[in-house]
N, C-alpha and C. Protein backbone atom coordinates (compact mmCIF):
# COMPACT_ATOMS: atom_id res chain seq x y z
N PRO A 1 29.65 114.75 50.10
CA PRO A 1 29.49 113.97 48.88
C PRO A 1 29.71 112.48 49.13
N VAL A 2 29.17 111.68 48.21
CA VAL A 2 29.38 110.24 48.24
C VAL A 2 30.66 109.93 47.45
N ASN A 3 31.59 109.24 48.08
CA ASN A 3 32.90 109.00 47.47
C ASN A 3 33.01 107.65 46.78
N SER A 4 32.19 106.68 47.20
CA SER A 4 32.33 105.33 46.66
C SER A 4 31.02 104.59 46.80
N VAL A 5 30.67 103.79 45.80
CA VAL A 5 29.49 102.93 45.87
C VAL A 5 29.90 101.53 45.41
N CYS A 6 29.23 100.51 45.96
CA CYS A 6 29.59 99.14 45.60
C CYS A 6 28.37 98.24 45.78
N TRP A 7 28.03 97.49 44.73
CA TRP A 7 26.93 96.54 44.81
C TRP A 7 27.37 95.30 45.58
N ALA A 8 26.45 94.74 46.35
CA ALA A 8 26.72 93.50 47.08
C ALA A 8 26.70 92.32 46.11
N PRO A 9 27.35 91.21 46.48
CA PRO A 9 27.21 89.98 45.68
C PRO A 9 25.73 89.64 45.51
N HIS A 10 25.37 89.11 44.35
CA HIS A 10 23.95 88.89 44.04
C HIS A 10 23.29 87.92 45.01
N GLU A 11 24.10 87.08 45.66
CA GLU A 11 23.52 86.13 46.62
C GLU A 11 22.83 86.84 47.78
N HIS A 12 23.24 88.06 48.07
CA HIS A 12 22.65 88.81 49.18
C HIS A 12 21.40 89.58 48.78
N GLY A 13 21.13 89.65 47.48
CA GLY A 13 20.01 90.45 47.01
C GLY A 13 20.48 91.77 46.45
N LEU A 14 19.54 92.65 46.18
CA LEU A 14 19.86 93.95 45.58
C LEU A 14 20.21 94.93 46.71
N ILE A 15 21.51 95.04 47.00
CA ILE A 15 21.99 95.86 48.11
C ILE A 15 23.16 96.72 47.62
N LEU A 16 23.15 97.98 48.01
CA LEU A 16 24.19 98.93 47.60
C LEU A 16 24.80 99.59 48.83
N ALA A 17 26.13 99.59 48.89
CA ALA A 17 26.83 100.26 49.98
C ALA A 17 27.42 101.57 49.46
N CYS A 18 27.31 102.63 50.26
CA CYS A 18 27.77 103.96 49.86
C CYS A 18 28.65 104.56 50.95
N ALA A 19 29.84 105.02 50.57
CA ALA A 19 30.76 105.66 51.51
C ALA A 19 30.74 107.17 51.30
N SER A 20 30.63 107.93 52.38
CA SER A 20 30.43 109.37 52.27
C SER A 20 31.49 110.18 53.02
N SER A 21 31.62 111.44 52.61
CA SER A 21 32.60 112.33 53.22
C SER A 21 32.25 112.71 54.66
N ASP A 22 31.00 112.48 55.06
CA ASP A 22 30.64 112.78 56.46
C ASP A 22 31.08 111.67 57.41
N GLY A 23 31.78 110.66 56.86
CA GLY A 23 32.30 109.58 57.69
C GLY A 23 31.38 108.39 57.83
N SER A 24 30.21 108.46 57.23
CA SER A 24 29.23 107.39 57.38
C SER A 24 29.25 106.44 56.18
N VAL A 25 28.67 105.25 56.40
CA VAL A 25 28.45 104.28 55.34
C VAL A 25 26.97 103.93 55.33
N SER A 26 26.33 104.07 54.19
CA SER A 26 24.91 103.75 54.06
C SER A 26 24.74 102.44 53.31
N ILE A 27 23.85 101.58 53.80
CA ILE A 27 23.54 100.31 53.16
C ILE A 27 22.09 100.38 52.68
N LEU A 28 21.89 100.37 51.37
CA LEU A 28 20.56 100.47 50.78
C LEU A 28 20.12 99.11 50.26
N SER A 29 18.99 98.61 50.75
CA SER A 29 18.48 97.29 50.36
C SER A 29 17.11 97.43 49.70
N TYR A 30 16.95 96.74 48.57
CA TYR A 30 15.66 96.76 47.86
C TYR A 30 14.77 95.68 48.46
N THR A 31 13.60 96.06 48.91
CA THR A 31 12.73 95.15 49.65
C THR A 31 11.64 94.56 48.75
N SER A 32 10.92 93.58 49.30
CA SER A 32 9.85 92.92 48.56
C SER A 32 8.68 93.86 48.27
N SER A 33 8.61 94.95 49.02
CA SER A 33 7.55 95.95 48.78
C SER A 33 7.97 96.99 47.75
N HIS A 34 9.09 96.71 47.06
CA HIS A 34 9.59 97.56 45.97
C HIS A 34 9.99 98.95 46.46
N THR A 35 10.56 98.99 47.63
CA THR A 35 11.11 100.24 48.18
C THR A 35 12.53 99.98 48.64
N TRP A 36 13.27 101.05 48.83
CA TRP A 36 14.65 100.95 49.31
C TRP A 36 14.69 101.21 50.81
N GLU A 37 15.28 100.27 51.54
CA GLU A 37 15.44 100.41 52.99
C GLU A 37 16.88 100.81 53.27
N ALA A 38 17.06 101.83 54.10
CA ALA A 38 18.40 102.35 54.37
C ALA A 38 18.83 102.08 55.81
N LYS A 39 20.07 101.60 55.94
CA LYS A 39 20.71 101.48 57.24
C LYS A 39 22.02 102.26 57.17
N LYS A 40 22.42 102.83 58.28
CA LYS A 40 23.61 103.68 58.25
C LYS A 40 24.57 103.30 59.38
N ILE A 41 25.86 103.24 59.00
CA ILE A 41 26.93 103.13 59.99
C ILE A 41 27.45 104.55 60.19
N THR A 42 27.05 105.18 61.27
CA THR A 42 27.48 106.56 61.51
C THR A 42 28.89 106.58 62.08
N ASN A 43 29.65 107.60 61.72
CA ASN A 43 31.02 107.76 62.22
C ASN A 43 31.88 106.52 61.98
N ALA A 44 31.71 105.92 60.80
CA ALA A 44 32.55 104.77 60.44
C ALA A 44 34.01 105.19 60.40
N HIS A 45 34.26 106.39 59.88
CA HIS A 45 35.62 106.95 59.83
C HIS A 45 35.53 108.44 60.15
N THR A 46 36.42 108.90 61.01
CA THR A 46 36.46 110.33 61.30
C THR A 46 36.96 111.08 60.07
N VAL A 47 36.49 112.29 59.90
CA VAL A 47 36.82 113.17 58.77
C VAL A 47 36.11 112.74 57.49
N GLY A 48 36.16 111.44 57.14
CA GLY A 48 35.48 111.00 55.93
C GLY A 48 35.78 109.57 55.57
N CYS A 49 34.85 108.95 54.83
CA CYS A 49 35.02 107.58 54.33
C CYS A 49 35.18 107.65 52.82
N ASN A 50 36.27 107.09 52.32
CA ASN A 50 36.60 107.23 50.90
C ASN A 50 36.25 106.02 50.04
N ALA A 51 36.15 104.83 50.64
CA ALA A 51 36.00 103.63 49.82
C ALA A 51 35.25 102.55 50.58
N VAL A 52 34.55 101.70 49.81
CA VAL A 52 33.84 100.57 50.39
C VAL A 52 33.86 99.41 49.39
N SER A 53 33.96 98.18 49.92
CA SER A 53 33.98 96.99 49.07
C SER A 53 33.34 95.84 49.83
N TRP A 54 32.59 95.00 49.12
CA TRP A 54 31.92 93.86 49.75
C TRP A 54 32.82 92.63 49.77
N ALA A 55 32.66 91.83 50.82
CA ALA A 55 33.30 90.52 50.86
C ALA A 55 32.56 89.58 49.93
N PRO A 56 33.25 88.60 49.35
CA PRO A 56 32.55 87.64 48.50
C PRO A 56 31.53 86.84 49.31
N ALA A 57 30.45 86.42 48.65
CA ALA A 57 29.40 85.68 49.34
C ALA A 57 29.85 84.27 49.69
N VAL A 58 30.74 83.71 48.86
CA VAL A 58 31.25 82.36 49.12
C VAL A 58 32.40 82.45 50.09
N ALA A 59 32.33 81.68 51.17
CA ALA A 59 33.37 81.73 52.19
C ALA A 59 34.69 81.24 51.63
N ALA A 60 35.80 81.82 52.12
CA ALA A 60 37.13 81.39 51.72
C ALA A 60 37.31 79.92 52.07
N GLY A 61 37.90 79.17 51.11
CA GLY A 61 38.14 77.76 51.35
C GLY A 61 36.99 76.87 50.93
N SER A 62 35.91 77.46 50.43
CA SER A 62 34.75 76.67 50.01
C SER A 62 34.41 77.01 48.57
N ALA A 63 34.73 76.11 47.66
CA ALA A 63 34.52 76.38 46.25
C ALA A 63 33.04 76.39 45.88
N ASP A 64 32.21 75.65 46.64
CA ASP A 64 30.80 75.57 46.30
C ASP A 64 29.90 76.25 47.31
N GLY A 65 30.51 76.92 48.30
CA GLY A 65 29.72 77.61 49.29
C GLY A 65 29.28 76.73 50.43
N SER A 66 29.64 75.44 50.42
CA SER A 66 29.19 74.52 51.46
C SER A 66 29.83 74.81 52.80
N GLY A 67 30.89 75.63 52.80
CA GLY A 67 31.57 75.95 54.05
C GLY A 67 30.83 76.99 54.86
N ARG A 68 29.73 77.53 54.33
CA ARG A 68 28.99 78.55 55.06
C ARG A 68 27.85 77.91 55.85
N SER A 69 27.78 78.20 57.13
CA SER A 69 26.66 77.74 57.93
C SER A 69 25.51 78.74 57.85
N GLU A 70 25.81 79.96 57.46
CA GLU A 70 24.78 80.98 57.30
C GLU A 70 25.30 82.03 56.33
N SER A 71 24.40 82.85 55.85
CA SER A 71 24.77 83.92 54.94
C SER A 71 25.32 85.09 55.76
N VAL A 72 26.59 85.37 55.58
CA VAL A 72 27.24 86.44 56.33
C VAL A 72 27.55 87.59 55.38
N GLN A 73 27.12 88.78 55.74
CA GLN A 73 27.41 89.97 54.95
C GLN A 73 28.52 90.76 55.62
N ARG A 74 29.57 91.04 54.86
CA ARG A 74 30.69 91.83 55.37
C ARG A 74 31.08 92.87 54.33
N ILE A 75 31.55 94.02 54.81
CA ILE A 75 32.12 95.03 53.95
C ILE A 75 33.44 95.51 54.56
N VAL A 76 34.29 96.06 53.71
CA VAL A 76 35.51 96.70 54.19
C VAL A 76 35.47 98.16 53.74
N THR A 77 35.91 99.06 54.62
CA THR A 77 35.90 100.49 54.32
C THR A 77 37.28 101.09 54.58
N GLY A 78 37.56 102.19 53.90
CA GLY A 78 38.80 102.92 54.11
C GLY A 78 38.51 104.40 54.24
N GLY A 79 39.24 105.09 55.13
CA GLY A 79 38.90 106.48 55.38
C GLY A 79 40.07 107.42 55.54
N CYS A 80 39.71 108.67 55.81
CA CYS A 80 40.70 109.72 56.00
C CYS A 80 41.46 109.58 57.32
N ASP A 81 40.97 108.71 58.19
CA ASP A 81 41.65 108.47 59.48
C ASP A 81 42.79 107.47 59.35
N THR A 82 43.11 107.05 58.15
CA THR A 82 44.19 106.11 57.79
C THR A 82 43.82 104.66 58.08
N TYR A 83 42.63 104.38 58.59
CA TYR A 83 42.27 103.02 58.98
C TYR A 83 41.49 102.31 57.88
N ILE A 84 41.63 100.99 57.89
CA ILE A 84 40.76 100.10 57.14
C ILE A 84 39.91 99.37 58.17
N LYS A 85 38.59 99.35 57.96
CA LYS A 85 37.71 98.70 58.93
C LYS A 85 36.85 97.66 58.24
N ILE A 86 36.62 96.56 58.96
CA ILE A 86 35.77 95.48 58.46
C ILE A 86 34.50 95.46 59.31
N TRP A 87 33.37 95.41 58.62
CA TRP A 87 32.06 95.45 59.28
C TRP A 87 31.28 94.19 58.93
N ARG A 88 30.52 93.71 59.91
CA ARG A 88 29.72 92.49 59.73
C ARG A 88 28.28 92.77 60.15
N LEU A 89 27.35 92.30 59.33
CA LEU A 89 25.94 92.46 59.66
C LEU A 89 25.53 91.43 60.70
N ASP A 90 25.03 91.90 61.83
CA ASP A 90 24.51 91.02 62.87
C ASP A 90 23.08 90.64 62.48
N ASN A 91 22.90 89.39 62.08
CA ASN A 91 21.59 88.96 61.61
C ASN A 91 20.53 88.99 62.71
N ALA A 92 20.98 88.91 63.96
CA ALA A 92 20.03 88.90 65.08
C ALA A 92 19.43 90.29 65.31
N THR A 93 20.28 91.32 65.21
CA THR A 93 19.83 92.68 65.50
C THR A 93 19.59 93.50 64.24
N GLY A 94 20.16 93.06 63.11
CA GLY A 94 20.03 93.83 61.88
C GLY A 94 20.96 95.02 61.82
N GLU A 95 21.90 95.11 62.77
CA GLU A 95 22.83 96.23 62.82
C GLU A 95 24.21 95.81 62.30
N TRP A 96 24.92 96.78 61.74
CA TRP A 96 26.29 96.54 61.28
C TRP A 96 27.25 96.84 62.43
N LYS A 97 28.16 95.88 62.69
CA LYS A 97 29.10 96.03 63.79
C LYS A 97 30.54 95.94 63.29
N GLU A 98 31.41 96.74 63.90
CA GLU A 98 32.83 96.72 63.54
C GLU A 98 33.45 95.41 63.99
N GLU A 99 34.08 94.71 63.04
CA GLU A 99 34.69 93.41 63.33
C GLU A 99 36.21 93.51 63.48
N ALA A 100 36.82 94.44 62.74
CA ALA A 100 38.27 94.61 62.81
C ALA A 100 38.65 96.01 62.36
N LYS A 101 39.74 96.52 62.92
CA LYS A 101 40.32 97.80 62.49
C LYS A 101 41.77 97.55 62.15
N LEU A 102 42.13 97.79 60.89
CA LEU A 102 43.47 97.49 60.41
C LEU A 102 44.29 98.77 60.28
N GLU A 103 45.46 98.76 60.90
CA GLU A 103 46.34 99.92 60.88
C GLU A 103 47.61 99.59 60.12
N GLY A 104 47.91 100.38 59.09
CA GLY A 104 49.11 100.14 58.31
C GLY A 104 49.51 101.33 57.46
N HIS A 105 48.53 102.15 57.10
CA HIS A 105 48.81 103.33 56.28
C HIS A 105 49.07 104.55 57.17
N SER A 106 49.77 105.53 56.61
CA SER A 106 50.11 106.74 57.35
C SER A 106 49.40 107.98 56.81
N ASP A 107 48.51 107.78 55.83
CA ASP A 107 47.76 108.90 55.25
C ASP A 107 46.40 108.38 54.79
N TRP A 108 45.61 109.24 54.20
CA TRP A 108 44.26 108.87 53.78
C TRP A 108 44.26 107.57 52.97
N VAL A 109 43.34 106.67 53.29
CA VAL A 109 43.13 105.47 52.49
C VAL A 109 42.21 105.85 51.33
N ARG A 110 42.68 105.64 50.12
CA ARG A 110 41.94 106.08 48.94
C ARG A 110 41.02 105.01 48.37
N ASP A 111 41.39 103.73 48.49
CA ASP A 111 40.55 102.68 47.94
C ASP A 111 40.82 101.37 48.67
N VAL A 112 39.80 100.52 48.69
CA VAL A 112 39.92 99.17 49.25
C VAL A 112 39.23 98.21 48.29
N ALA A 113 39.71 96.97 48.22
CA ALA A 113 39.10 95.97 47.34
C ALA A 113 39.24 94.60 47.97
N TRP A 114 38.10 93.94 48.20
CA TRP A 114 38.10 92.59 48.75
C TRP A 114 38.18 91.61 47.59
N ALA A 115 39.15 90.72 47.60
CA ALA A 115 39.36 89.81 46.48
C ALA A 115 38.29 88.72 46.45
N PRO A 116 37.87 88.31 45.24
CA PRO A 116 36.98 87.15 45.12
C PRO A 116 37.68 85.92 45.70
N SER A 117 36.94 85.07 46.38
CA SER A 117 37.58 83.91 47.02
C SER A 117 37.76 82.76 46.04
N ILE A 118 36.71 82.41 45.31
CA ILE A 118 36.77 81.33 44.30
C ILE A 118 37.43 80.09 44.88
N GLY A 119 37.08 79.72 46.10
CA GLY A 119 37.60 78.50 46.70
C GLY A 119 38.97 78.61 47.31
N LEU A 120 39.57 79.80 47.30
CA LEU A 120 40.89 79.96 47.89
C LEU A 120 40.81 79.78 49.41
N PRO A 121 41.88 79.25 50.03
CA PRO A 121 41.84 78.96 51.47
C PRO A 121 42.06 80.17 52.36
N ARG A 122 42.01 81.37 51.81
CA ARG A 122 42.26 82.57 52.61
C ARG A 122 41.51 83.75 52.01
N SER A 123 41.45 84.82 52.78
CA SER A 123 40.81 86.05 52.32
C SER A 123 41.88 87.12 52.10
N LEU A 124 41.70 87.92 51.04
CA LEU A 124 42.64 88.99 50.71
C LEU A 124 41.89 90.30 50.55
N ILE A 125 42.46 91.36 51.10
CA ILE A 125 41.97 92.71 50.89
C ILE A 125 43.14 93.58 50.44
N ALA A 126 42.94 94.35 49.39
CA ALA A 126 43.97 95.30 48.94
C ALA A 126 43.53 96.71 49.35
N SER A 127 44.50 97.49 49.81
CA SER A 127 44.22 98.89 50.16
C SER A 127 45.31 99.77 49.58
N CYS A 128 44.94 101.00 49.19
CA CYS A 128 45.91 101.95 48.69
C CYS A 128 45.68 103.29 49.36
N SER A 129 46.72 104.11 49.36
CA SER A 129 46.68 105.31 50.20
C SER A 129 47.39 106.50 49.58
N GLN A 130 47.11 107.64 50.19
CA GLN A 130 47.82 108.87 49.87
C GLN A 130 49.31 108.73 50.18
N ASP A 131 49.67 107.76 51.02
CA ASP A 131 51.07 107.56 51.40
C ASP A 131 51.88 106.83 50.32
N ARG A 132 51.23 106.59 49.15
CA ARG A 132 51.87 106.00 47.97
C ARG A 132 52.09 104.49 48.09
N ARG A 133 51.49 103.88 49.10
CA ARG A 133 51.70 102.44 49.30
C ARG A 133 50.43 101.64 49.03
N VAL A 134 50.65 100.40 48.61
CA VAL A 134 49.57 99.42 48.49
C VAL A 134 49.88 98.28 49.45
N ILE A 135 48.89 97.92 50.25
CA ILE A 135 49.05 96.85 51.23
C ILE A 135 48.05 95.74 50.92
N ILE A 136 48.53 94.50 50.97
CA ILE A 136 47.67 93.33 50.85
C ILE A 136 47.46 92.77 52.25
N TRP A 137 46.21 92.71 52.67
CA TRP A 137 45.86 92.17 53.99
C TRP A 137 45.41 90.74 53.81
N VAL A 138 46.03 89.83 54.58
CA VAL A 138 45.80 88.39 54.41
C VAL A 138 45.21 87.80 55.69
N ASN A 139 44.13 87.04 55.53
CA ASN A 139 43.52 86.33 56.64
C ASN A 139 43.41 84.86 56.24
N ASP A 140 44.17 84.00 56.92
CA ASP A 140 44.18 82.58 56.55
C ASP A 140 43.00 81.81 57.12
N GLY A 141 42.17 82.49 57.91
CA GLY A 141 40.99 81.85 58.46
C GLY A 141 41.23 81.04 59.71
N LYS A 142 42.49 80.84 60.08
CA LYS A 142 42.80 80.02 61.25
C LYS A 142 42.78 80.85 62.53
N THR A 143 43.46 81.98 62.49
CA THR A 143 43.52 82.84 63.67
C THR A 143 42.52 83.99 63.61
N GLY A 144 42.05 84.28 62.40
CA GLY A 144 41.13 85.40 62.24
C GLY A 144 41.82 86.75 62.22
N VAL A 145 43.15 86.73 62.24
CA VAL A 145 43.93 87.97 62.26
C VAL A 145 44.33 88.34 60.83
N TRP A 146 44.20 89.62 60.52
CA TRP A 146 44.61 90.13 59.21
C TRP A 146 46.06 90.58 59.26
N GLN A 147 46.91 89.95 58.44
CA GLN A 147 48.33 90.28 58.40
C GLN A 147 48.63 91.16 57.19
N PRO A 148 49.35 92.29 57.39
CA PRO A 148 49.67 93.17 56.27
C PRO A 148 50.92 92.74 55.52
N ARG A 149 50.86 92.82 54.20
CA ARG A 149 52.03 92.61 53.35
C ARG A 149 52.10 93.78 52.37
N GLU A 150 53.18 94.53 52.46
CA GLU A 150 53.30 95.70 51.59
C GLU A 150 53.65 95.26 50.18
N LEU A 151 52.79 95.62 49.24
CA LEU A 151 53.02 95.24 47.85
C LEU A 151 54.12 96.08 47.23
N ASN A 152 54.03 97.41 47.42
CA ASN A 152 55.03 98.30 46.83
C ASN A 152 54.80 99.72 47.32
N THR A 153 55.86 100.53 47.26
CA THR A 153 55.74 101.97 47.46
C THR A 153 55.95 102.63 46.11
N PHE A 154 54.97 103.39 45.65
CA PHE A 154 54.99 103.96 44.31
C PHE A 154 55.51 105.39 44.33
N ASP A 155 55.62 105.98 43.13
CA ASP A 155 56.18 107.33 43.00
C ASP A 155 55.17 108.42 43.29
N ASP A 156 53.89 108.07 43.31
CA ASP A 156 52.84 109.07 43.52
C ASP A 156 51.69 108.43 44.27
N VAL A 157 50.70 109.25 44.63
CA VAL A 157 49.53 108.75 45.34
C VAL A 157 48.85 107.65 44.52
N ILE A 158 48.35 106.62 45.19
CA ILE A 158 47.63 105.55 44.52
C ILE A 158 46.14 105.74 44.77
N TRP A 159 45.38 105.78 43.67
CA TRP A 159 43.96 106.10 43.77
C TRP A 159 43.06 104.88 43.80
N HIS A 160 43.40 103.86 43.02
CA HIS A 160 42.48 102.72 42.89
C HIS A 160 43.21 101.39 42.87
N VAL A 161 42.53 100.38 43.42
CA VAL A 161 42.98 98.99 43.32
C VAL A 161 41.78 98.14 42.91
N SER A 162 42.03 97.14 42.06
CA SER A 162 40.93 96.30 41.57
C SER A 162 41.44 94.90 41.28
N TRP A 163 40.71 93.88 41.76
CA TRP A 163 41.09 92.49 41.56
C TRP A 163 40.50 91.94 40.26
N SER A 164 41.20 90.97 39.68
CA SER A 164 40.65 90.23 38.55
C SER A 164 39.52 89.34 39.06
N VAL A 165 38.73 88.80 38.13
CA VAL A 165 37.59 87.97 38.51
C VAL A 165 38.02 86.76 39.33
N THR A 166 39.19 86.22 39.03
CA THR A 166 39.67 85.04 39.75
C THR A 166 40.40 85.41 41.04
N GLY A 167 40.62 86.70 41.27
CA GLY A 167 41.21 87.14 42.52
C GLY A 167 42.69 86.91 42.66
N ASN A 168 43.40 86.65 41.55
CA ASN A 168 44.84 86.39 41.66
C ASN A 168 45.70 87.48 41.03
N ILE A 169 45.09 88.44 40.35
CA ILE A 169 45.84 89.56 39.76
C ILE A 169 45.22 90.87 40.24
N LEU A 170 46.08 91.78 40.70
CA LEU A 170 45.63 93.07 41.22
C LEU A 170 46.05 94.19 40.28
N ALA A 171 45.10 95.02 39.89
CA ALA A 171 45.40 96.21 39.08
C ALA A 171 45.51 97.41 40.00
N VAL A 172 46.54 98.24 39.77
CA VAL A 172 46.82 99.40 40.61
C VAL A 172 46.96 100.63 39.71
N SER A 173 46.28 101.72 40.06
CA SER A 173 46.42 102.96 39.29
C SER A 173 46.62 104.13 40.23
N GLY A 174 47.39 105.12 39.76
CA GLY A 174 47.71 106.24 40.64
C GLY A 174 47.97 107.54 39.92
N GLY A 175 48.53 108.48 40.68
CA GLY A 175 48.78 109.82 40.17
C GLY A 175 49.90 109.92 39.17
N ASP A 176 50.63 108.83 38.94
CA ASP A 176 51.72 108.83 37.96
C ASP A 176 51.23 108.46 36.57
N ASN A 177 49.89 108.40 36.39
CA ASN A 177 49.29 108.07 35.09
C ASN A 177 49.63 106.67 34.61
N LYS A 178 49.90 105.76 35.54
CA LYS A 178 50.23 104.39 35.18
C LYS A 178 49.23 103.41 35.78
N VAL A 179 49.04 102.30 35.07
CA VAL A 179 48.29 101.16 35.58
C VAL A 179 49.23 99.96 35.59
N SER A 180 49.40 99.35 36.74
CA SER A 180 50.28 98.19 36.85
C SER A 180 49.49 96.98 37.33
N LEU A 181 49.91 95.80 36.88
CA LEU A 181 49.28 94.54 37.25
C LEU A 181 50.25 93.73 38.10
N TRP A 182 49.74 93.16 39.19
CA TRP A 182 50.57 92.45 40.16
C TRP A 182 50.02 91.07 40.44
N LYS A 183 50.94 90.11 40.64
CA LYS A 183 50.54 88.74 40.94
C LYS A 183 51.50 88.16 41.97
N GLU A 184 50.96 87.32 42.84
CA GLU A 184 51.77 86.71 43.89
C GLU A 184 52.47 85.47 43.35
N THR A 185 53.75 85.32 43.67
CA THR A 185 54.50 84.13 43.27
C THR A 185 54.24 82.99 44.25
N LEU A 186 54.73 81.81 43.91
CA LEU A 186 54.58 80.65 44.79
C LEU A 186 55.31 80.86 46.11
N GLU A 187 56.29 81.77 46.11
CA GLU A 187 57.05 82.06 47.33
C GLU A 187 56.38 83.12 48.18
N GLY A 188 55.24 83.63 47.71
CA GLY A 188 54.51 84.62 48.50
C GLY A 188 54.93 86.05 48.24
N GLN A 189 55.74 86.28 47.19
CA GLN A 189 56.16 87.63 46.84
C GLN A 189 55.29 88.17 45.71
N TRP A 190 54.96 89.47 45.82
CA TRP A 190 54.15 90.10 44.78
C TRP A 190 55.06 90.73 43.73
N THR A 191 54.86 90.37 42.47
CA THR A 191 55.70 90.86 41.39
C THR A 191 54.83 91.59 40.35
N CYS A 192 55.45 92.55 39.68
CA CYS A 192 54.75 93.34 38.67
C CYS A 192 54.76 92.60 37.33
N LEU A 193 53.57 92.34 36.79
CA LEU A 193 53.46 91.67 35.50
C LEU A 193 53.48 92.65 34.35
N SER A 194 52.90 93.84 34.57
CA SER A 194 52.77 94.83 33.50
C SER A 194 52.72 96.21 34.11
N ASP A 195 53.30 97.18 33.41
CA ASP A 195 53.31 98.57 33.88
C ASP A 195 53.11 99.47 32.67
N SER A 196 51.89 99.94 32.47
CA SER A 196 51.59 100.74 31.28
C SER A 196 51.25 102.16 31.66
N ALA A 197 51.79 103.11 30.91
CA ALA A 197 51.55 104.52 31.16
C ALA A 197 50.48 105.03 30.20
N LYS A 198 49.74 106.04 30.65
CA LYS A 198 48.73 106.67 29.81
C LYS A 198 49.42 107.46 28.70
N PRO A 199 49.00 107.28 27.44
CA PRO A 199 49.62 108.03 26.34
C PRO A 199 49.48 109.53 26.55
N GLN A 200 50.53 110.26 26.29
CA GLN A 200 50.51 111.71 26.42
C GLN A 200 50.02 112.34 25.12
N PRO A 201 49.43 113.54 25.20
CA PRO A 201 48.97 114.23 23.98
C PRO A 201 50.11 114.38 22.97
N GLY A 202 49.82 114.03 21.72
CA GLY A 202 50.84 114.15 20.68
C GLY A 202 51.73 112.95 20.56
N SER A 203 51.52 111.93 21.42
CA SER A 203 52.39 110.75 21.37
C SER A 203 51.69 109.57 20.73
N GLU A 204 50.57 109.81 20.00
CA GLU A 204 49.84 108.73 19.38
C GLU A 204 50.72 108.00 18.37
N GLN A 205 50.45 106.70 18.26
CA GLN A 205 51.20 105.92 17.30
C GLN A 205 50.77 106.32 15.89
N ARG A 206 51.72 106.67 15.04
CA ARG A 206 51.40 107.19 13.72
C ARG A 206 51.63 106.17 12.61
N THR A 207 52.34 105.10 12.91
CA THR A 207 52.60 104.11 11.86
C THR A 207 51.38 103.22 11.68
N LEU A 208 51.11 102.82 10.46
CA LEU A 208 49.97 101.96 10.13
C LEU A 208 50.46 100.61 9.67
């Protein structure tokens, strides 16, 4: 089965990435001949690929996109092998190549989300796992190395992570029926802004 789909930024055209349980990632591009062209990253993750997310089209540190010398397409994937992998399209060959493999989780990676850059001087990726942890991966663009920062260890498996449009607030949802919102302080610490639980049957508000 297909576990995750994600549209590319519109600057790249009509492109859809799909993560599958067979461990592959398919990239579907709509062509000028009005057909869909498929490329596949085989064996992206052993056992299975659970999540995929596109990098923003605007390079980190460039509010107007002027920092890009060329259009670079990147995706991040998470799988049952506990790894997060970053892939880059080689414009010369047209093939997707592994650019980085991030190790930090101890169980299946359930979701990944690349934060919008919006002129920020760094790149951020959020990942969540069966191990109940959320990790923020930070790349300042100077060394090219992704540094992990553990956001929190939760009470249950974390299923999804999602960034706000401005890329400064992260929404986290998991098996505890809660959605929490997180934001980084000026000191670089991630703090919880809101923690809301799903209403249980029979607990509806009755006062008018």
